[in-house]
């Protein structure tokens, strides 16, 4: 079914049903996020940029410390601007996970 075919059904939902539908969609997106992967054998299962071992929490920590996207891309030439777009979207929808990972790695003496 396409979005266009689905649209009349979505419009017919009550506000409560729409909220439930969003929860289902969010759960699906959380399990499979574009450009981000979680593998228990890579970086302890932390969310990483696909094709890399670069954890999203590290990029978020750098950004919080004032690094620009250009500075991050210069640090990791294999990263693409789209990778950062995916990372920032992931960070905005998983703030507790990212905050926790930054804290855990800061306590472990990992410099961000």
C-alpha atoms as a PDB file:
ATOM      1  CA  UNK A   1       0.000   0.000   0.000  1.00  0.00           C
ATOM      2  CA  UNK A   2       1.305   3.443  -0.859  1.00  0.00           C
ATOM      3  CA  UNK A   3       1.086   6.543   1.315  1.00  0.00           C
ATOM      4  CA  UNK A   4      -1.427   8.008  -1.118  1.00  0.00           C
ATOM      5  CA  UNK A   5      -3.654   4.941  -0.679  1.00  0.00           C
ATOM      6  CA  UNK A   6      -3.171   5.037   3.080  1.00  0.00           C
ATOM      7  CA  UNK A   7      -3.965   8.745   3.464  1.00  0.00           C
ATOM      8  CA  UNK A   8      -7.806   8.454   3.574  1.00  0.00           C
ATOM      9  CA  UNK A   9      -7.541   5.813   6.281  1.00  0.00           C
ATOM     10  CA  UNK A  10      -5.211   7.973   8.347  1.00  0.00           C
ATOM     11  CA  UNK A  11      -7.512  10.983   8.036  1.00  0.00           C
ATOM     12  CA  UNK A  12     -10.433   8.871   9.290  1.00  0.00           C
ATOM     13  CA  UNK A  13      -8.640   7.946  12.527  1.00  0.00           C
ATOM     14  CA  UNK A  14      -9.498   9.625  15.809  1.00  0.00           C
ATOM     15  CA  UNK A  15      -6.741  11.687  17.472  1.00  0.00           C
ATOM     16  CA  UNK A  16      -6.133   8.835  19.899  1.00  0.00           C
ATOM     17  CA  UNK A  17      -5.838   6.312  17.065  1.00  0.00           C
ATOM     18  CA  UNK A  18      -3.457   8.635  15.209  1.00  0.00           C
ATOM     19  CA  UNK A  19      -1.268   8.804  18.308  1.00  0.00           C
ATOM     20  CA  UNK A  20      -1.252   5.003  18.480  1.00  0.00           C
ATOM     21  CA  UNK A  21      -0.349   4.816  14.791  1.00  0.00           C
ATOM     22  CA  UNK A  22       2.568   7.181  15.395  1.00  0.00           C
ATOM     23  CA  UNK A  23       3.783   4.985  18.244  1.00  0.00           C
ATOM     24  CA  UNK A  24       3.769   1.966  15.935  1.00  0.00           C
ATOM     25  CA  UNK A  25       5.625   3.902  13.230  1.00  0.00           C
ATOM     26  CA  UNK A  26       8.170   5.233  15.725  1.00  0.00           C
ATOM     27  CA  UNK A  27       8.787   1.732  17.096  1.00  0.00           C
ATOM     28  CA  UNK A  28       9.427   0.499  13.555  1.00  0.00           C
ATOM     29  CA  UNK A  29      11.814   3.358  12.844  1.00  0.00           C
ATOM     30  CA  UNK A  30      13.635   2.797  16.124  1.00  0.00           C
ATOM     31  CA  UNK A  31      14.297  -0.806  15.215  1.00  0.00           C
ATOM     32  CA  UNK A  32      15.735   0.091  11.829  1.00  0.00           C
ATOM     33  CA  UNK A  33      17.095   3.601  11.443  1.00  0.00           C
ATOM     34  CA  UNK A  34      18.357   4.807   8.040  1.00  0.00           C
ATOM     35  CA  UNK A  35      22.132   5.027   7.967  1.00  0.00           C
ATOM     36  CA  UNK A  36      22.514   3.817  11.550  1.00  0.00           C
ATOM     37  CA  UNK A  37      23.162   0.283  12.706  1.00  0.00           C
ATOM     38  CA  UNK A  38      23.497  -1.535  15.987  1.00  0.00           C
ATOM     39  CA  UNK A  39      25.559  -4.673  16.105  1.00  0.00           C
ATOM     40  CA  UNK A  40      26.510  -6.272  19.429  1.00  0.00           C
ATOM     41  CA  UNK A  41      29.926  -7.108  17.952  1.00  0.00           C
ATOM     42  CA  UNK A  42      30.667  -3.505  16.929  1.00  0.00           C
ATOM     43  CA  UNK A  43      31.311  -0.807  19.545  1.00  0.00           C
ATOM     44  CA  UNK A  44      29.491  -2.819  22.211  1.00  0.00           C
ATOM     45  CA  UNK A  45      26.228  -2.578  20.321  1.00  0.00           C
ATOM     46  CA  UNK A  46      26.120   1.225  20.361  1.00  0.00           C
ATOM     47  CA  UNK A  47      24.421   2.915  17.416  1.00  0.00           C
ATOM     48  CA  UNK A  48      27.062   3.481  14.708  1.00  0.00           C
ATOM     49  CA  UNK A  49      27.181   5.015  11.268  1.00  0.00           C
ATOM     50  CA  UNK A  50      26.771   2.239   8.686  1.00  0.00           C
ATOM     51  CA  UNK A  51      30.012   1.185   6.945  1.00  0.00           C
ATOM     52  CA  UNK A  52      31.991   2.427   9.961  1.00  0.00           C
ATOM     53  CA  UNK A  53      32.759   1.791  13.587  1.00  0.00           C
ATOM     54  CA  UNK A  54      31.986   5.421  14.460  1.00  0.00           C
ATOM     55  CA  UNK A  55      29.445   5.594  17.287  1.00  0.00           C
ATOM     56  CA  UNK A  56      26.684   8.168  17.066  1.00  0.00           C
ATOM     57  CA  UNK A  57      27.236   9.166  20.699  1.00  0.00           C
ATOM     58  CA  UNK A  58      30.803  10.260  19.852  1.00  0.00           C
ATOM     59  CA  UNK A  59      29.602  12.497  17.041  1.00  0.00           C
ATOM     60  CA  UNK A  60      26.937  13.933  19.364  1.00  0.00           C
ATOM     61  CA  UNK A  61      29.553  14.605  22.049  1.00  0.00           C
ATOM     62  CA  UNK A  62      31.762  16.443  19.579  1.00  0.00           C
ATOM     63  CA  UNK A  63      28.821  18.499  18.393  1.00  0.00           C
ATOM     64  CA  UNK A  64      27.959  19.381  22.012  1.00  0.00           C
ATOM     65  CA  UNK A  65      31.555  20.487  22.456  1.00  0.00           C
ATOM     66  CA  UNK A  66      31.151  22.969  19.606  1.00  0.00           C
ATOM     67  CA  UNK A  67      32.493  20.989  16.648  1.00  0.00           C
ATOM     68  CA  UNK A  68      30.903  21.937  13.321  1.00  0.00           C
ATOM     69  CA  UNK A  69      29.807  19.360  10.792  1.00  0.00           C
ATOM     70  CA  UNK A  70      32.751  20.418   8.623  1.00  0.00           C
ATOM     71  CA  UNK A  71      35.211  19.769  11.462  1.00  0.00           C
ATOM     72  CA  UNK A  72      33.703  16.335  12.116  1.00  0.00           C
ATOM     73  CA  UNK A  73      33.812  15.461   8.405  1.00  0.00           C
ATOM     74  CA  UNK A  74      37.470  16.569   8.281  1.00  0.00           C
ATOM     75  CA  UNK A  75      38.260  14.325  11.258  1.00  0.00           C
ATOM     76  CA  UNK A  76      36.618  11.342   9.527  1.00  0.00           C
ATOM     77  CA  UNK A  77      37.033  11.670   5.755  1.00  0.00           C
ATOM     78  CA  UNK A  78      35.048   8.471   5.177  1.00  0.00           C
ATOM     79  CA  UNK A  79      31.935  10.139   6.631  1.00  0.00           C
ATOM     80  CA  UNK A  80      29.519  11.788   4.260  1.00  0.00           C
ATOM     81  CA  UNK A  81      27.304  14.799   4.999  1.00  0.00           C
ATOM     82  CA  UNK A  82      24.289  12.462   4.793  1.00  0.00           C
ATOM     83  CA  UNK A  83      25.806  10.320   7.558  1.00  0.00           C
ATOM     84  CA  UNK A  84      25.735  13.322   9.872  1.00  0.00           C
ATOM     85  CA  UNK A  85      22.161  14.119   8.858  1.00  0.00           C
ATOM     86  CA  UNK A  86      21.184  10.570   9.850  1.00  0.00           C
ATOM     87  CA  UNK A  87      23.178  10.831  13.066  1.00  0.00           C
ATOM     88  CA  UNK A  88      21.546  14.112  14.123  1.00  0.00           C
ATOM     89  CA  UNK A  89      18.092  12.702  13.391  1.00  0.00           C
ATOM     90  CA  UNK A  90      18.929   9.630  15.475  1.00  0.00           C
ATOM     91  CA  UNK A  91      20.236  11.780  18.320  1.00  0.00           C
ATOM     92  CA  UNK A  92      17.085  13.907  18.340  1.00  0.00           C
ATOM     93  CA  UNK A  93      14.828  10.855  18.600  1.00  0.00           C
ATOM     94  CA  UNK A  94      16.993   8.858  21.036  1.00  0.00           C
ATOM     95  CA  UNK A  95      18.216  11.506  23.502  1.00  0.00           C
ATOM     96  CA  UNK A  96      18.262   9.246  26.586  1.00  0.00           C
ATOM     97  CA  UNK A  97      20.268   6.561  24.806  1.00  0.00           C
ATOM     98  CA  UNK A  98      22.815   9.082  23.536  1.00  0.00           C
ATOM     99  CA  UNK A  99      23.096  10.906  26.880  1.00  0.00           C
ATOM    100  CA  UNK A 100      23.633   7.592  28.646  1.00  0.00           C
ATOM    101  CA  UNK A 101      26.287   6.454  26.164  1.00  0.00           C
ATOM    102  CA  UNK A 102      28.137   9.772  26.465  1.00  0.00           C
ATOM    103  CA  UNK A 103      28.048   9.506  30.273  1.00  0.00           C
ATOM    104  CA  UNK A 104      29.140   5.856  30.265  1.00  0.00           C
ATOM    105  CA  UNK A 105      32.044   6.524  27.931  1.00  0.00           C
ATOM    106  CA  UNK A 106      33.037   9.694  29.778  1.00  0.00           C
ATOM    107  CA  UNK A 107      33.208   7.667  33.007  1.00  0.00           C
ATOM    108  CA  UNK A 108      35.359   5.086  31.198  1.00  0.00           C
ATOM    109  CA  UNK A 109      37.846   7.822  30.369  1.00  0.00           C
ATOM    110  CA  UNK A 110      36.966   7.992  26.693  1.00  0.00           C
ATOM    111  CA  UNK A 111      37.601  11.485  25.485  1.00  0.00           C
ATOM    112  CA  UNK A 112      34.811  13.038  23.437  1.00  0.00           C
END
